[in-house]
Amino acid sequence: MVAEKDLLLMFANRDEQAIALCEQKFGKLCRTVAFRILGDRQDAEECANDVLLKLWDSIPPAQPRSLTAFVSGITRNLALDRLSAKRAEKRGGGQTTETLEELAPYLASDENPEDQVNEIALQDAVTRFLRSVSKDSRMIFLARYYAMQTPQEIADAHGATVGKIKMNLKRTREKLRVFLKEEGLI
């Protein structure tokens, strides 16, 4: 398997082989993340293909430190965009609504410039908050709210009970609320 730095160099040199190698290296990751959000295998497959095009268009100028994280982020964003489009067409659902509704009381966003600035500040604050909690709590939080895993999936991965995972998530959300209040963001 080719190293990330080699893939980045291939993209920088506009070597089209980088796309095929990225499909081999990240295809399963893309489909998994997209499926967790979209709940539909065909949509997840299409999303994974869109990720490859987005990578080609983004690198350069983007120079990500971690190609895995960059691919995951693009996949997540494209899948959420696709989900929004599906909902606008009144076609579907999935667990994403439930997952995001759990965080909704802690995160506010509208589409005006002031709110966009606040959203950037909020993203920075959430990143700082996540660095301040234990690694276990951070991994559980990210699994739930970034990777959109179910509490059962997280429990299985961590060798814990669903109740323990739900309690950890509840406590972490409460800590986040307090942190954001102290930061003046809520």
Protein backbone atom coordinates (compact mmCIF):
# COMPACT_ATOMS: atom_id res chain seq x y z
CA MET A 1 0.00 0.00 0.00
CA VAL A 2 1.31 3.42 -0.93
CA ALA A 3 2.15 5.92 1.84
CA GLU A 4 0.09 9.08 2.35
CA LYS A 5 3.05 11.37 1.63
CA ASP A 6 3.57 9.59 -1.71
CA LEU A 7 -0.11 10.02 -2.58
CA LEU A 8 0.07 13.72 -1.73
CA LEU A 9 3.12 14.08 -3.97
CA MET A 10 1.28 12.28 -6.78
CA PHE A 11 -1.66 14.66 -6.43
CA ALA A 12 0.70 17.64 -6.41
CA ASN A 13 2.27 16.33 -9.63
CA ARG A 14 -1.23 15.75 -11.10
CA ASP A 15 -0.55 12.01 -11.51
CA GLU A 16 -3.94 10.44 -12.29
CA GLN A 17 -2.81 7.15 -10.73
CA ALA A 18 -3.30 8.87 -7.35
CA ILE A 19 -7.06 8.55 -7.79
CA ALA A 20 -6.96 4.79 -8.25
CA LEU A 21 -4.55 4.38 -5.34
CA CYS A 22 -6.79 6.51 -3.12
CA GLU A 23 -9.74 4.33 -4.06
CA GLN A 24 -7.77 1.27 -2.97
CA LYS A 25 -6.53 2.88 0.24
CA PHE A 26 -9.60 4.87 1.32
CA GLY A 27 -12.58 3.45 -0.61
CA LYS A 28 -13.86 1.30 2.24
CA LEU A 29 -13.43 4.15 4.74
CA CYS A 30 -15.37 6.53 2.48
CA ARG A 31 -18.21 4.08 1.90
CA THR A 32 -18.44 3.28 5.62
CA VAL A 33 -18.57 6.92 6.75
CA ALA A 34 -21.03 7.82 3.99
CA PHE A 35 -23.26 4.82 4.74
CA ARG A 36 -23.42 5.69 8.44
CA ILE A 37 -24.75 9.11 7.51
CA LEU A 38 -26.90 8.24 4.50
CA GLY A 39 -28.14 4.77 5.39
CA ASP A 40 -28.16 3.79 1.71
CA ARG A 41 -25.43 1.75 0.01
CA GLN A 42 -25.94 3.24 -3.45
CA ASP A 43 -25.78 6.81 -2.12
CA ALA A 44 -22.70 5.87 -0.09
CA GLU A 45 -21.01 4.48 -3.21
CA GLU A 46 -21.81 7.64 -5.18
CA CYS A 47 -20.54 9.75 -2.32
CA ALA A 48 -17.27 7.77 -2.23
CA ASN A 49 -16.80 8.46 -5.95
CA ASP A 50 -17.49 12.16 -5.37
CA VAL A 51 -14.77 12.16 -2.70
CA LEU A 52 -12.18 11.09 -5.28
CA LEU A 53 -13.16 13.95 -7.58
CA LYS A 54 -13.09 16.39 -4.68
CA LEU A 55 -9.60 15.18 -3.72
CA TRP A 56 -8.38 15.74 -7.27
CA ASP A 57 -9.84 19.26 -7.26
CA SER A 58 -8.56 20.09 -3.75
CA ILE A 59 -4.94 18.87 -3.79
CA PRO A 60 -3.26 21.17 -4.62
CA PRO A 61 -3.79 23.84 -3.30
CA ALA A 62 -4.72 22.03 -0.08
CA GLN A 63 -1.77 20.34 1.64
CA PRO A 64 -3.32 18.21 4.37
CA ARG A 65 -1.13 16.90 7.18
CA SER A 66 -3.19 13.72 7.33
CA LEU A 67 -4.72 12.42 4.13
CA THR A 68 -6.87 9.99 6.11
CA ALA A 69 -8.40 12.82 8.14
CA PHE A 70 -8.79 14.95 5.02
CA VAL A 71 -10.58 12.13 3.16
CA SER A 72 -12.80 11.45 6.19
CA GLY A 73 -13.75 15.11 6.46
CA ILE A 74 -14.56 15.42 2.77
CA THR A 75 -16.61 12.23 2.91
CA ARG A 76 -18.54 13.39 5.95
CA ASN A 77 -19.28 16.81 4.44
CA LEU A 78 -20.35 15.39 1.08
CA ALA A 79 -22.56 12.80 2.78
CA LEU A 80 -24.20 15.45 4.96
CA ASP A 81 -24.80 17.61 1.86
CA ARG A 82 -26.34 14.62 0.07
CA LEU A 83 -28.50 13.88 3.12
CA SER A 84 -29.75 17.48 3.15
CA ALA A 85 -30.63 17.19 -0.52
CA LYS A 86 -32.44 13.90 0.10
CA ARG A 87 -34.43 15.45 2.92
CA ALA A 88 -35.33 18.43 0.78
CA GLU A 89 -36.78 15.95 -1.69
CA LYS A 90 -38.63 14.19 1.14
CA ARG A 91 -36.80 10.93 0.45
CA GLY A 92 -35.35 9.26 3.44
CA GLY A 93 -34.05 9.41 6.90
CA GLY A 94 -31.45 7.66 8.95
CA GLN A 95 -29.89 8.04 12.32
CA THR A 96 -28.10 11.30 11.50
CA THR A 97 -31.06 13.43 12.57
CA GLU A 98 -31.18 11.74 15.95
CA THR A 99 -27.42 12.08 16.39
CA LEU A 100 -27.33 15.75 15.45
CA GLU A 101 -30.43 16.51 17.52
CA GLU A 102 -28.53 15.32 20.60
CA LEU A 103 -25.98 18.09 20.00
CA ALA A 104 -28.44 20.74 18.76
CA PRO A 105 -29.04 22.36 22.17
CA TYR A 106 -25.30 23.00 22.44
CA LEU A 107 -24.64 24.22 18.91
CA ALA A 108 -26.36 27.13 17.22
CA SER A 109 -25.84 28.30 13.66
CA ASP A 110 -27.63 30.51 11.16
CA GLU A 111 -26.50 31.66 7.76
CA ASN A 112 -25.57 35.31 8.34
CA PRO A 113 -21.95 36.60 8.52
CA GLU A 114 -21.99 37.15 12.27
CA ASP A 115 -23.14 33.58 12.81
CA GLN A 116 -20.49 32.29 10.43
CA VAL A 117 -17.82 33.99 12.55
CA ASN A 118 -19.44 32.51 15.65
CA GLU A 119 -19.42 29.10 14.00
CA ILE A 120 -15.67 29.32 13.43
CA ALA A 121 -15.19 30.30 17.07
CA LEU A 122 -17.44 27.43 18.08
CA GLN A 123 -15.45 24.93 16.01
CA ASP A 124 -12.24 26.14 17.64
CA ALA A 125 -13.79 25.90 21.10
CA VAL A 126 -15.08 22.37 20.49
CA THR A 127 -11.61 21.33 19.31
CA ARG A 128 -10.03 22.79 22.44
CA PHE A 129 -12.68 21.14 24.58
CA LEU A 130 -12.06 17.74 23.03
CA ARG A 131 -8.35 18.10 23.75
CA SER A 132 -9.20 18.72 27.40
CA VAL A 133 -11.22 15.52 28.00
CA SER A 134 -9.85 12.01 28.42
CA LYS A 135 -8.82 10.12 25.31
CA ASP A 136 -11.60 7.57 25.92
CA SER A 137 -14.28 10.27 26.17
CA ARG A 138 -12.89 12.05 23.11
CA MET A 139 -12.90 8.85 21.03
CA ILE A 140 -16.47 8.01 22.12
CA PHE A 141 -17.64 11.57 21.37
CA LEU A 142 -16.03 11.57 17.92
CA ALA A 143 -17.34 8.11 17.13
CA ARG A 144 -20.88 9.29 17.90
CA TYR A 145 -20.93 12.82 16.53
CA TYR A 146 -18.32 12.68 13.77
CA ALA A 147 -18.45 9.10 12.51
CA MET A 148 -22.18 8.82 13.35
CA GLN A 149 -21.79 5.44 15.02
CA THR A 150 -24.62 4.09 17.14
CA PRO A 151 -24.09 3.66 20.90
CA GLN A 152 -24.15 -0.11 20.32
CA GLU A 153 -21.35 0.10 17.73
CA ILE A 154 -19.29 2.28 20.06
CA ALA A 155 -19.90 -0.08 22.97
CA ASP A 156 -18.79 -3.04 20.88
CA ALA A 157 -15.63 -1.24 19.76
CA HIS A 158 -14.76 -0.17 23.31
CA GLY A 159 -15.74 -3.38 25.08
CA ALA A 160 -18.30 -1.51 27.17
CA THR A 161 -22.02 -1.59 27.76
CA VAL A 162 -24.41 0.63 25.83
CA GLY A 163 -25.46 2.22 29.12
CA LYS A 164 -21.87 3.16 29.92
CA ILE A 165 -21.42 4.71 26.47
CA LYS A 166 -24.66 6.68 26.75
CA MET A 167 -23.67 7.95 30.20
CA ASN A 168 -20.23 8.94 28.92
CA LEU A 169 -21.82 10.82 26.03
CA LYS A 170 -24.29 12.55 28.35
CA ARG A 171 -21.51 13.64 30.74
CA THR A 172 -19.30 14.81 27.88
CA ARG A 173 -22.16 16.83 26.35
CA GLU A 174 -22.78 18.43 29.74
CA LYS A 175 -19.08 19.27 30.12
CA LEU A 176 -19.18 20.73 26.59
CA ARG A 177 -22.19 22.88 27.54
CA VAL A 178 -20.36 24.23 30.60
CA PHE A 179 -17.18 24.81 28.58
CA LEU A 180 -19.03 26.69 25.84
CA LYS A 181 -20.88 28.76 28.42
CA GLU A 182 -17.58 29.72 30.04
CA GLU A 183 -16.26 30.65 26.59
CA GLY A 184 -19.27 32.90 26.07
CA LEU A 185 -20.47 30.92 23.07
CA ILE A 186 -23.85 29.88 24.50
